[in-house]
Amino acid sequence: MIARRDWVTTAQVAEAAGVHPTTLARWSKLGLLPERVHLNLGRRGRAFRWPPHALEQAQWVKARIDDMWTMEEIRAALERGEFKPALPTSPSEDSS
């Protein structure tokens, strides 16, 4: 998988969900978030990028946790398709 320009940073996803960045890595390993892509930045170190819908999905997961759902219940709900990201708007739709 290759990160695209519209992919978001770990900091952006963590801020959107109100959680620590290490929580996102744990949620991803548990199958609650999409897979992140590792970027090698050479001397500047490394970074991760997430698909744009990870912002909404992290908020969705956090809301379920706040409602006392178990990780298994959340994963099952994701497998059933209960999380549906908002459709991205095209530039022509924004100008109307």
PDB file of N, CA and C in Angstrom:
ATOM      1  N   MET A   1       0.848  -1.171   0.000  1.00  0.00           N
ATOM      2  CA  MET A   1       0.000   0.000   0.000  1.00  0.00           C
ATOM      3  C   MET A   1       0.898   1.241   0.000  1.00  0.00           C
ATOM      4  N   ILE A   2       0.546   2.221  -0.787  1.00  0.00           N
ATOM      5  CA  ILE A   2       1.325   3.455  -0.906  1.00  0.00           C
ATOM      6  C   ILE A   2       0.471   4.626  -0.434  1.00  0.00           C
ATOM      7  N   ALA A   3       1.039   5.443   0.441  1.00  0.00           N
ATOM      8  CA  ALA A   3       0.320   6.620   0.946  1.00  0.00           C
ATOM      9  C   ALA A   3       0.165   7.649  -0.163  1.00  0.00           C
ATOM     10  N   ARG A   4      -1.015   8.233  -0.229  1.00  0.00           N
ATOM     11  CA  ARG A   4      -1.272   9.293  -1.196  1.00  0.00           C
ATOM     12  C   ARG A   4      -1.151  10.647  -0.506  1.00  0.00           C
ATOM     13  N   ARG A   5      -1.176  11.695  -1.303  1.00  0.00           N
ATOM     14  CA  ARG A   5      -1.034  13.055  -0.752  1.00  0.00           C
ATOM     15  C   ARG A   5      -2.150  13.430   0.219  1.00  0.00           C
ATOM     16  N   ASP A   6      -3.338  12.859   0.059  1.00  0.00           N
ATOM     17  CA  ASP A   6      -4.448  13.233   0.927  1.00  0.00           C
ATOM     18  C   ASP A   6      -4.486  12.422   2.222  1.00  0.00           C
ATOM     19  N   TRP A   7      -3.528  11.531   2.417  1.00  0.00           N
ATOM     20  CA  TRP A   7      -3.480  10.746   3.645  1.00  0.00           C
ATOM     21  C   TRP A   7      -3.065  11.639   4.803  1.00  0.00           C
ATOM     22  N   VAL A   8      -3.473  11.253   6.014  1.00  0.00           N
ATOM     23  CA  VAL A   8      -3.291  12.110   7.183  1.00  0.00           C
ATOM     24  C   VAL A   8      -2.231  11.548   8.132  1.00  0.00           C
ATOM     25  N   THR A   9      -1.729  12.423   8.988  1.00  0.00           N
ATOM     26  CA  THR A   9      -0.685  12.040   9.933  1.00  0.00           C
ATOM     27  C   THR A   9      -1.289  11.391  11.174  1.00  0.00           C
ATOM     28  N   THR A  10      -0.442  10.724  11.912  1.00  0.00           N
ATOM     29  CA  THR A  10      -0.860  10.124  13.178  1.00  0.00           C
ATOM     30  C   THR A  10      -1.353  11.212  14.131  1.00  0.00           C
ATOM     31  N   ALA A  11      -0.665  12.342  14.162  1.00  0.00           N
ATOM     32  CA  ALA A  11      -1.073  13.440  15.045  1.00  0.00           C
ATOM     33  C   ALA A  11      -2.484  13.927  14.701  1.00  0.00           C
ATOM     34  N   GLN A  12      -2.801  14.004  13.424  1.00  0.00           N
ATOM     35  CA  GLN A  12      -4.137  14.455  13.010  1.00  0.00           C
ATOM     36  C   GLN A  12      -5.216  13.470  13.454  1.00  0.00           C
ATOM     37  N   VAL A  13      -4.942  12.178  13.285  1.00  0.00           N
ATOM     38  CA  VAL A  13      -5.924  11.161  13.678  1.00  0.00           C
ATOM     39  C   VAL A  13      -6.085  11.151  15.199  1.00  0.00           C
ATOM     40  N   ALA A  14      -4.967  11.227  15.915  1.00  0.00           N
ATOM     41  CA  ALA A  14      -5.019  11.224  17.385  1.00  0.00           C
ATOM     42  C   ALA A  14      -5.804  12.430  17.901  1.00  0.00           C
ATOM     43  N   GLU A  15      -5.566  13.583  17.323  1.00  0.00           N
ATOM     44  CA  GLU A  15      -6.283  14.785  17.748  1.00  0.00           C
ATOM     45  C   GLU A  15      -7.779  14.670  17.464  1.00  0.00           C
ATOM     46  N   ALA A  16      -8.122  14.136  16.292  1.00  0.00           N
ATOM     47  CA  ALA A  16      -9.533  13.999  15.929  1.00  0.00           C
ATOM     48  C   ALA A  16     -10.282  13.095  16.910  1.00  0.00           C
ATOM     49  N   ALA A  17      -9.609  12.034  17.367  1.00  0.00           N
ATOM     50  CA  ALA A  17     -10.259  11.090  18.278  1.00  0.00           C
ATOM     51  C   ALA A  17     -10.057  11.450  19.743  1.00  0.00           C
ATOM     52  N   GLY A  18      -9.112  12.348  20.023  1.00  0.00           N
ATOM     53  CA  GLY A  18      -8.837  12.712  21.400  1.00  0.00           C
ATOM     54  C   GLY A  18      -8.114  11.621  22.165  1.00  0.00           C
ATOM     55  N   VAL A  19      -7.197  10.924  21.474  1.00  0.00           N
ATOM     56  CA  VAL A  19      -6.433   9.846  22.105  1.00  0.00           C
ATOM     57  C   VAL A  19      -4.949  10.056  21.839  1.00  0.00           C
ATOM     58  N   HIS A  20      -4.125   9.288  22.539  1.00  0.00           N
ATOM     59  CA  HIS A  20      -2.680   9.350  22.357  1.00  0.00           C
ATOM     60  C   HIS A  20      -2.304   8.574  21.089  1.00  0.00           C
ATOM     61  N   PRO A  21      -1.265   9.014  20.377  1.00  0.00           N
ATOM     62  CA  PRO A  21      -0.852   8.307  19.159  1.00  0.00           C
ATOM     63  C   PRO A  21      -0.579   6.815  19.357  1.00  0.00           C
ATOM     64  N   THR A  22      -0.065   6.407  20.506  1.00  0.00           N
ATOM     65  CA  THR A  22       0.187   4.977  20.709  1.00  0.00           C
ATOM     66  C   THR A  22      -1.118   4.181  20.784  1.00  0.00           C
ATOM     67  N   THR A  23      -2.189   4.837  21.182  1.00  0.00           N
ATOM     68  CA  THR A  23      -3.500   4.188  21.194  1.00  0.00           C
ATOM     69  C   THR A  23      -3.909   3.822  19.777  1.00  0.00           C
ATOM     70  N   LEU A  24      -3.615   4.693  18.823  1.00  0.00           N
ATOM     71  CA  LEU A  24      -3.956   4.417  17.427  1.00  0.00           C
ATOM     72  C   LEU A  24      -3.239   3.178  16.912  1.00  0.00           C
ATOM     73  N   ALA A  25      -1.977   3.042  17.246  1.00  0.00           N
ATOM     74  CA  ALA A  25      -1.218   1.871  16.817  1.00  0.00           C
ATOM     75  C   ALA A  25      -1.840   0.601  17.396  1.00  0.00           C
ATOM     76  N   ARG A  26      -2.242   0.660  18.664  1.00  0.00           N
ATOM     77  CA  ARG A  26      -2.877  -0.491  19.310  1.00  0.00           C
ATOM     78  C   ARG A  26      -4.214  -0.815  18.636  1.00  0.00           C
ATOM     79  N   TRP A  27      -5.013   0.213  18.380  1.00  0.00           N
ATOM     80  CA  TRP A  27      -6.297  -0.011  17.714  1.00  0.00           C
ATOM     81  C   TRP A  27      -6.097  -0.606  16.326  1.00  0.00           C
ATOM     82  N   SER A  28      -5.082  -0.146  15.618  1.00  0.00           N
ATOM     83  CA  SER A  28      -4.806  -0.675  14.286  1.00  0.00           C
ATOM     84  C   SER A  28      -4.431  -2.157  14.367  1.00  0.00           C
ATOM     85  N   LYS A  29      -3.592  -2.510  15.325  1.00  0.00           N
ATOM     86  CA  LYS A  29      -3.200  -3.920  15.503  1.00  0.00           C
ATOM     87  C   LYS A  29      -4.396  -4.791  15.855  1.00  0.00           C
ATOM     88  N   LEU A  30      -5.372  -4.231  16.548  1.00  0.00           N
ATOM     89  CA  LEU A  30      -6.576  -4.974  16.922  1.00  0.00           C
ATOM     90  C   LEU A  30      -7.598  -5.039  15.790  1.00  0.00           C
ATOM     91  N   GLY A  31      -7.325  -4.347  14.679  1.00  0.00           N
ATOM     92  CA  GLY A  31      -8.243  -4.350  13.546  1.00  0.00           C
ATOM     93  C   GLY A  31      -9.358  -3.330  13.645  1.00  0.00           C
ATOM     94  N   LEU A  32      -9.192  -2.343  14.535  1.00  0.00           N
ATOM     95  CA  LEU A  32     -10.227  -1.322  14.705  1.00  0.00           C
ATOM     96  C   LEU A  32     -10.015  -0.121  13.797  1.00  0.00           C
ATOM     97  N   LEU A  33      -8.816   0.031  13.271  1.00  0.00           N
ATOM     98  CA  LEU A  33      -8.485   1.114  12.347  1.00  0.00           C
ATOM     99  C   LEU A  33      -7.826   0.516  11.108  1.00  0.00           C
ATOM    100  N   PRO A  34      -7.856   1.256  10.007  1.00  0.00           N
ATOM    101  CA  PRO A  34      -7.188   0.753   8.808  1.00  0.00           C
ATOM    102  C   PRO A  34      -5.672   0.676   9.016  1.00  0.00           C
ATOM    103  N   GLU A  35      -5.035  -0.055   8.167  1.00  0.00           N
ATOM    104  CA  GLU A  35      -3.585  -0.190   8.244  1.00  0.00           C
ATOM    105  C   GLU A  35      -2.920   1.145   7.937  1.00  0.00           C
ATOM    106  N   ARG A  36      -1.896   1.469   8.695  1.00  0.00           N
ATOM    107  CA  ARG A  36      -1.133   2.689   8.452  1.00  0.00           C
ATOM    108  C   ARG A  36       0.057   2.345   7.561  1.00  0.00           C
ATOM    109  N   VAL A  37       0.558   3.345   6.879  1.00  0.00           N
ATOM    110  CA  VAL A  37       1.696   3.157   5.983  1.00  0.00           C
ATOM    111  C   VAL A  37       2.917   3.817   6.606  1.00  0.00           C
ATOM    112  N   HIS A  38       4.008   3.102   6.640  1.00  0.00           N
ATOM    113  CA  HIS A  38       5.269   3.590   7.200  1.00  0.00           C
ATOM    114  C   HIS A  38       6.047   4.324   6.108  1.00  0.00           C
ATOM    115  N   LEU A  39       6.480   5.531   6.420  1.00  0.00           N
ATOM    116  CA  LEU A  39       7.301   6.304   5.499  1.00  0.00           C
ATOM    117  C   LEU A  39       8.691   6.455   6.092  1.00  0.00           C
ATOM    118  N   ASN A  40       9.697   6.158   5.311  1.00  0.00           N
ATOM    119  CA  ASN A  40      11.071   6.366   5.740  1.00  0.00           C
ATOM    120  C   ASN A  40      11.482   7.755   5.273  1.00  0.00           C
ATOM    121  N   LEU A  41      11.805   8.623   6.208  1.00  0.00           N
ATOM    122  CA  LEU A  41      12.151  10.008   5.884  1.00  0.00           C
ATOM    123  C   LEU A  41      13.659  10.244   5.886  1.00  0.00           C
ATOM    124  N   GLY A  42      14.430   9.173   5.793  1.00  0.00           N
ATOM    125  CA  GLY A  42      15.883   9.313   5.780  1.00  0.00           C
ATOM    126  C   GLY A  42      16.400   9.825   7.105  1.00  0.00           C
ATOM    127  N   ARG A  43      17.200  10.854   7.065  1.00  0.00           N
ATOM    128  CA  ARG A  43      17.785  11.418   8.295  1.00  0.00           C
ATOM    129  C   ARG A  43      16.737  11.974   9.244  1.00  0.00           C
ATOM    130  N   ARG A  44      15.606  12.348   8.696  1.00  0.00           N
ATOM    131  CA  ARG A  44      14.546  12.932   9.541  1.00  0.00           C
ATOM    132  C   ARG A  44      13.758  11.869  10.292  1.00  0.00           C
ATOM    133  N   GLY A  45      14.081  10.606  10.097  1.00  0.00           N
ATOM    134  CA  GLY A  45      13.408   9.548  10.838  1.00  0.00           C
ATOM    135  C   GLY A  45      12.332   8.854  10.037  1.00  0.00           C
ATOM    136  N   ARG A  46      11.243   8.551  10.706  1.00  0.00           N
ATOM    137  CA  ARG A  46      10.147   7.851  10.053  1.00  0.00           C
ATOM    138  C   ARG A  46       8.825   8.493  10.430  1.00  0.00           C
ATOM    139  N   ALA A  47       7.835   8.187   9.657  1.00  0.00           N
ATOM    140  CA  ALA A  47       6.500   8.722   9.911  1.00  0.00           C
ATOM    141  C   ALA A  47       5.485   7.703   9.418  1.00  0.00           C
ATOM    142  N   PHE A  48       4.269   7.867   9.861  1.00  0.00           N
ATOM    143  CA  PHE A  48       3.178   7.020   9.397  1.00  0.00           C
ATOM    144  C   PHE A  48       2.104   7.906   8.783  1.00  0.00           C
ATOM    145  N   ARG A  49       1.394   7.356   7.828  1.00  0.00           N
ATOM    146  CA  ARG A  49       0.253   8.050   7.222  1.00  0.00           C
ATOM    147  C   ARG A  49      -0.932   7.099   7.239  1.00  0.00           C
ATOM    148  N   TRP A  50      -2.085   7.684   7.394  1.00  0.00           N
ATOM    149  CA  TRP A  50      -3.343   6.942   7.486  1.00  0.00           C
ATOM    150  C   TRP A  50      -4.264   7.376   6.347  1.00  0.00           C
ATOM    151  N   PRO A  51      -5.109   6.467   5.844  1.00  0.00           N
ATOM    152  CA  PRO A  51      -6.096   6.866   4.844  1.00  0.00           C
ATOM    153  C   PRO A  51      -7.003   7.953   5.427  1.00  0.00           C
ATOM    154  N   PRO A  52      -7.514   8.843   4.594  1.00  0.00           N
ATOM    155  CA  PRO A  52      -8.323   9.955   5.105  1.00  0.00           C
ATOM    156  C   PRO A  52      -9.489   9.534   6.007  1.00  0.00           C
ATOM    157  N   HIS A  53     -10.128   8.400   5.711  1.00  0.00           N
ATOM    158  CA  HIS A  53     -11.275   7.987   6.528  1.00  0.00           C
ATOM    159  C   HIS A  53     -10.869   7.540   7.931  1.00  0.00           C
ATOM    160  N   ALA A  54      -9.579   7.402   8.195  1.00  0.00           N
ATOM    161  CA  ALA A  54      -9.118   7.013   9.539  1.00  0.00           C
ATOM    162  C   ALA A  54      -9.505   8.063  10.579  1.00  0.00           C
ATOM    163  N   LEU A  55      -9.606   9.326  10.168  1.00  0.00           N
ATOM    164  CA  LEU A  55     -10.047  10.385  11.091  1.00  0.00           C
ATOM    165  C   LEU A  55     -11.433  10.063  11.653  1.00  0.00           C
ATOM    166  N   GLU A  56     -12.355   9.801  10.754  1.00  0.00           N
ATOM    167  CA  GLU A  56     -13.732   9.495  11.167  1.00  0.00           C
ATOM    168  C   GLU A  56     -13.817   8.162  11.891  1.00  0.00           C
ATOM    169  N   GLN A  57     -13.057   7.175  11.396  1.00  0.00           N
ATOM    170  CA  GLN A  57     -13.119   5.854  12.000  1.00  0.00           C
ATOM    171  C   GLN A  57     -12.581   5.877  13.428  1.00  0.00           C
ATOM    172  N   ALA A  58     -11.523   6.624  13.671  1.00  0.00           N
ATOM    173  CA  ALA A  58     -10.978   6.741  15.034  1.00  0.00           C
ATOM    174  C   ALA A  58     -12.003   7.408  15.959  1.00  0.00           C
ATOM    175  N   GLN A  59     -12.704   8.423  15.459  1.00  0.00           N
ATOM    176  CA  GLN A  59     -13.743   9.073  16.262  1.00  0.00           C
ATOM    177  C   GLN A  59     -14.875   8.086  16.554  1.00  0.00           C
ATOM    178  N   TRP A  60     -15.237   7.292  15.557  1.00  0.00           N
ATOM    179  CA  TRP A  60     -16.295   6.293  15.699  1.00  0.00           C
ATOM    180  C   TRP A  60     -15.903   5.249  16.748  1.00  0.00           C
ATOM    181  N   VAL A  61     -14.668   4.754  16.657  1.00  0.00           N
ATOM    182  CA  VAL A  61     -14.172   3.766  17.620  1.00  0.00           C
ATOM    183  C   VAL A  61     -14.167   4.357  19.028  1.00  0.00           C
ATOM    184  N   LYS A  62     -13.661   5.571  19.163  1.00  0.00           N
ATOM    185  CA  LYS A  62     -13.598   6.234  20.478  1.00  0.00           C
ATOM    186  C   LYS A  62     -14.987   6.389  21.084  1.00  0.00           C
ATOM    187  N   ALA A  63     -15.967   6.736  20.265  1.00  0.00           N
ATOM    188  CA  ALA A  63     -17.338   6.880  20.755  1.00  0.00           C
ATOM    189  C   ALA A  63     -17.876   5.549  21.275  1.00  0.00           C
ATOM    190  N   ARG A  64     -17.552   4.451  20.595  1.00  0.00           N
ATOM    191  CA  ARG A  64     -17.997   3.134  21.055  1.00  0.00           C
ATOM    192  C   ARG A  64     -17.311   2.760  22.371  1.00  0.00           C
ATOM    193  N   ILE A  65     -16.038   3.058  22.477  1.00  0.00           N
ATOM    194  CA  ILE A  65     -15.314   2.783  23.726  1.00  0.00           C
ATOM    195  C   ILE A  65     -15.923   3.595  24.861  1.00  0.00           C
ATOM    196  N   ASP A  66     -16.231   4.853  24.594  1.00  0.00           N
ATOM    197  CA  ASP A  66     -16.865   5.711  25.608  1.00  0.00           C
ATOM    198  C   ASP A  66     -18.235   5.157  26.038  1.00  0.00           C
ATOM    199  N   ASP A  67     -18.894   4.442  25.097  1.00  0.00           N
ATOM    200  CA  ASP A  67     -20.186   3.824  25.402  1.00  0.00           C
ATOM    201  C   ASP A  67     -20.022   2.433  26.032  1.00  0.00           C
ATOM    202  N   MET A  68     -18.767   2.097  26.409  1.00  0.00           N
ATOM    203  CA  MET A  68     -18.457   0.850  27.110  1.00  0.00           C
ATOM    204  C   MET A  68     -18.541  -0.409  26.243  1.00  0.00           C
ATOM    205  N   TRP A  69     -18.349  -0.264  24.918  1.00  0.00           N
ATOM    206  CA  TRP A  69     -18.288  -1.432  24.052  1.00  0.00           C
ATOM    207  C   TRP A  69     -16.940  -2.108  24.268  1.00  0.00           C
ATOM    208  N   THR A  70     -16.886  -3.423  24.104  1.00  0.00           N
ATOM    209  CA  THR A  70     -15.613  -4.135  24.156  1.00  0.00           C
ATOM    210  C   THR A  70     -14.933  -4.037  22.792  1.00  0.00           C
ATOM    211  N   MET A  71     -13.638  -4.328  22.775  1.00  0.00           N
ATOM    212  CA  MET A  71     -12.906  -4.311  21.503  1.00  0.00           C
ATOM    213  C   MET A  71     -13.495  -5.334  20.531  1.00  0.00           C
ATOM    214  N   GLU A  72     -13.914  -6.475  21.046  1.00  0.00           N
ATOM    215  CA  GLU A  72     -14.518  -7.513  20.200  1.00  0.00           C
ATOM    216  C   GLU A  72     -15.834  -7.031  19.594  1.00  0.00           C
ATOM    217  N   GLU A  73     -16.629  -6.319  20.388  1.00  0.00           N
ATOM    218  CA  GLU A  73     -17.898  -5.786  19.873  1.00  0.00           C
ATOM    219  C   GLU A  73     -17.650  -4.749  18.786  1.00  0.00           C
ATOM    220  N   ILE A  74     -16.647  -3.917  18.994  1.00  0.00           N
ATOM    221  CA  ILE A  74     -16.327  -2.896  17.987  1.00  0.00           C
ATOM    222  C   ILE A  74     -15.847  -3.553  16.705  1.00  0.00           C
ATOM    223  N   ARG A  75     -14.946  -4.528  16.835  1.00  0.00           N
ATOM    224  CA  ARG A  75     -14.432  -5.217  15.648  1.00  0.00           C
ATOM    225  C   ARG A  75     -15.562  -5.913  14.883  1.00  0.00           C
ATOM    226  N   ALA A  76     -16.478  -6.545  15.616  1.00  0.00           N
ATOM    227  CA  ALA A  76     -17.617  -7.217  14.983  1.00  0.00           C
ATOM    228  C   ALA A  76     -18.501  -6.203  14.252  1.00  0.00           C
ATOM    229  N   ALA A  77     -18.722  -5.047  14.868  1.00  0.00           N
ATOM    230  CA  ALA A  77     -19.524  -4.005  14.223  1.00  0.00           C
ATOM    231  C   ALA A  77     -18.851  -3.510  12.943  1.00  0.00           C
ATOM    232  N   LEU A  78     -17.532  -3.365  12.989  1.00  0.00           N
ATOM    233  CA  LEU A  78     -16.799  -2.961  11.782  1.00  0.00           C
ATOM    234  C   LEU A  78     -16.932  -4.015  10.688  1.00  0.00           C
ATOM    235  N   GLU A  79     -16.831  -5.282  11.076  1.00  0.00           N
ATOM    236  CA  GLU A  79     -16.963  -6.371  10.102  1.00  0.00           C
ATOM    237  C   GLU A  79     -18.360  -6.412   9.488  1.00  0.00           C
ATOM    238  N   ARG A  80     -19.365  -6.021  10.257  1.00  0.00           N
ATOM    239  CA  ARG A  80     -20.742  -5.954   9.745  1.00  0.00           C
ATOM    240  C   ARG A  80     -20.972  -4.721   8.875  1.00  0.00           C
ATOM    241  N   GLY A  81     -20.007  -3.814   8.864  1.00  0.00           N
ATOM    242  CA  GLY A  81     -20.148  -2.612   8.044  1.00  0.00           C
ATOM    243  C   GLY A  81     -20.899  -1.486   8.724  1.00  0.00           C
ATOM    244  N   GLU A  82     -20.931  -1.475  10.047  1.00  0.00           N
ATOM    245  CA  GLU A  82     -21.662  -0.428  10.762  1.00  0.00           C
ATOM    246  C   GLU A  82     -20.993   0.932  10.678  1.00  0.00           C
ATOM    247  N   PHE A  83     -19.680   0.961  10.477  1.00  0.00           N
ATOM    248  CA  PHE A  83     -19.002   2.242  10.265  1.00  0.00           C
ATOM    249  C   PHE A  83     -19.017   2.538   8.778  1.00  0.00           C
ATOM    250  N   LYS A  84     -19.555   3.688   8.430  1.00  0.00           N
ATOM    251  CA  LYS A  84     -19.597   4.119   7.039  1.00  0.00           C
ATOM    252  C   LYS A  84     -19.026   5.529   6.958  1.00  0.00           C
ATOM    253  N   PRO A  85     -17.807   5.669   6.381  1.00  0.00           N
ATOM    254  CA  PRO A  85     -17.230   7.019   6.295  1.00  0.00           C
ATOM    255  C   PRO A  85     -18.050   7.904   5.375  1.00  0.00           C
ATOM    256  N   ALA A  86     -18.023   9.191   5.645  1.00  0.00           N
ATOM    257  CA  ALA A  86     -18.696  10.160   4.778  1.00  0.00           C
ATOM    258  C   ALA A  86     -18.034  10.124   3.415  1.00  0.00           C
ATOM    259  N   LEU A  87     -18.822  10.285   2.402  1.00  0.00           N
ATOM    260  CA  LEU A  87     -18.266  10.296   1.050  1.00  0.00           C
ATOM    261  C   LEU A  87     -17.527  11.611   0.826  1.00  0.00           C
ATOM    262  N   PRO A  88     -16.327  11.536   0.250  1.00  0.00           N
ATOM    263  CA  PRO A  88     -15.598  12.798  -0.020  1.00  0.00           C
ATOM    264  C   PRO A  88     -16.343  13.605  -1.072  1.00  0.00           C
ATOM    265  N   THR A  89     -16.303  14.907  -0.894  1.00  0.00           N
ATOM    266  CA  THR A  89     -16.949  15.785  -1.867  1.00  0.00           C
ATOM    267  C   THR A  89     -15.945  16.170  -2.937  1.00  0.00           C
ATOM    268  N   SER A  90     -16.436  16.282  -4.154  1.00  0.00           N
ATOM    269  CA  SER A  90     -15.548  16.701  -5.235  1.00  0.00           C
ATOM    270  C   SER A  90     -15.485  18.219  -5.255  1.00  0.00           C
ATOM    271  N   PRO A  91     -14.434  18.802  -5.814  1.00  0.00           N
ATOM    272  CA  PRO A  91     -14.314  20.272  -5.846  1.00  0.00           C
ATOM    273  C   PRO A  91     -15.517  20.930  -6.504  1.00  0.00           C
ATOM    274  N   SER A  92     -16.120  20.289  -7.503  1.00  0.00           N
ATOM    275  CA  SER A  92     -17.261  20.909  -8.176  1.00  0.00           C
ATOM    276  C   SER A  92     -18.481  20.977  -7.256  1.00  0.00           C
ATOM    277  N   GLU A  93     -18.601  20.005  -6.317  1.00  0.00           N
ATOM    278  CA  GLU A  93     -19.718  20.039  -5.377  1.00  0.00           C
ATOM    279  C   GLU A  93     -19.543  21.144  -4.339  1.00  0.00           C
ATOM    280  N   ASP A  94     -18.290  21.442  -3.972  1.00  0.00           N
ATOM    281  CA  ASP A  94     -18.032  22.462  -2.968  1.00  0.00           C
ATOM    282  C   ASP A  94     -18.350  23.870  -3.456  1.00  0.00           C
ATOM    283  N   SER A  95     -18.278  24.094  -4.756  1.00  0.00           N
ATOM    284  CA  SER A  95     -18.465  25.441  -5.286  1.00  0.00           C
ATOM    285  C   SER A  95     -19.918  25.797  -5.495  1.00  0.00           C
ATOM    286  N   SER A  96     -20.873  24.867  -5.273  1.00  0.00           N
ATOM    287  CA  SER A  96     -22.278  25.190  -5.514  1.00  0.00           C
ATOM    288  C   SER A  96     -22.906  25.918  -4.375  1.00  0.00           C
TER     289      SER A  96
END
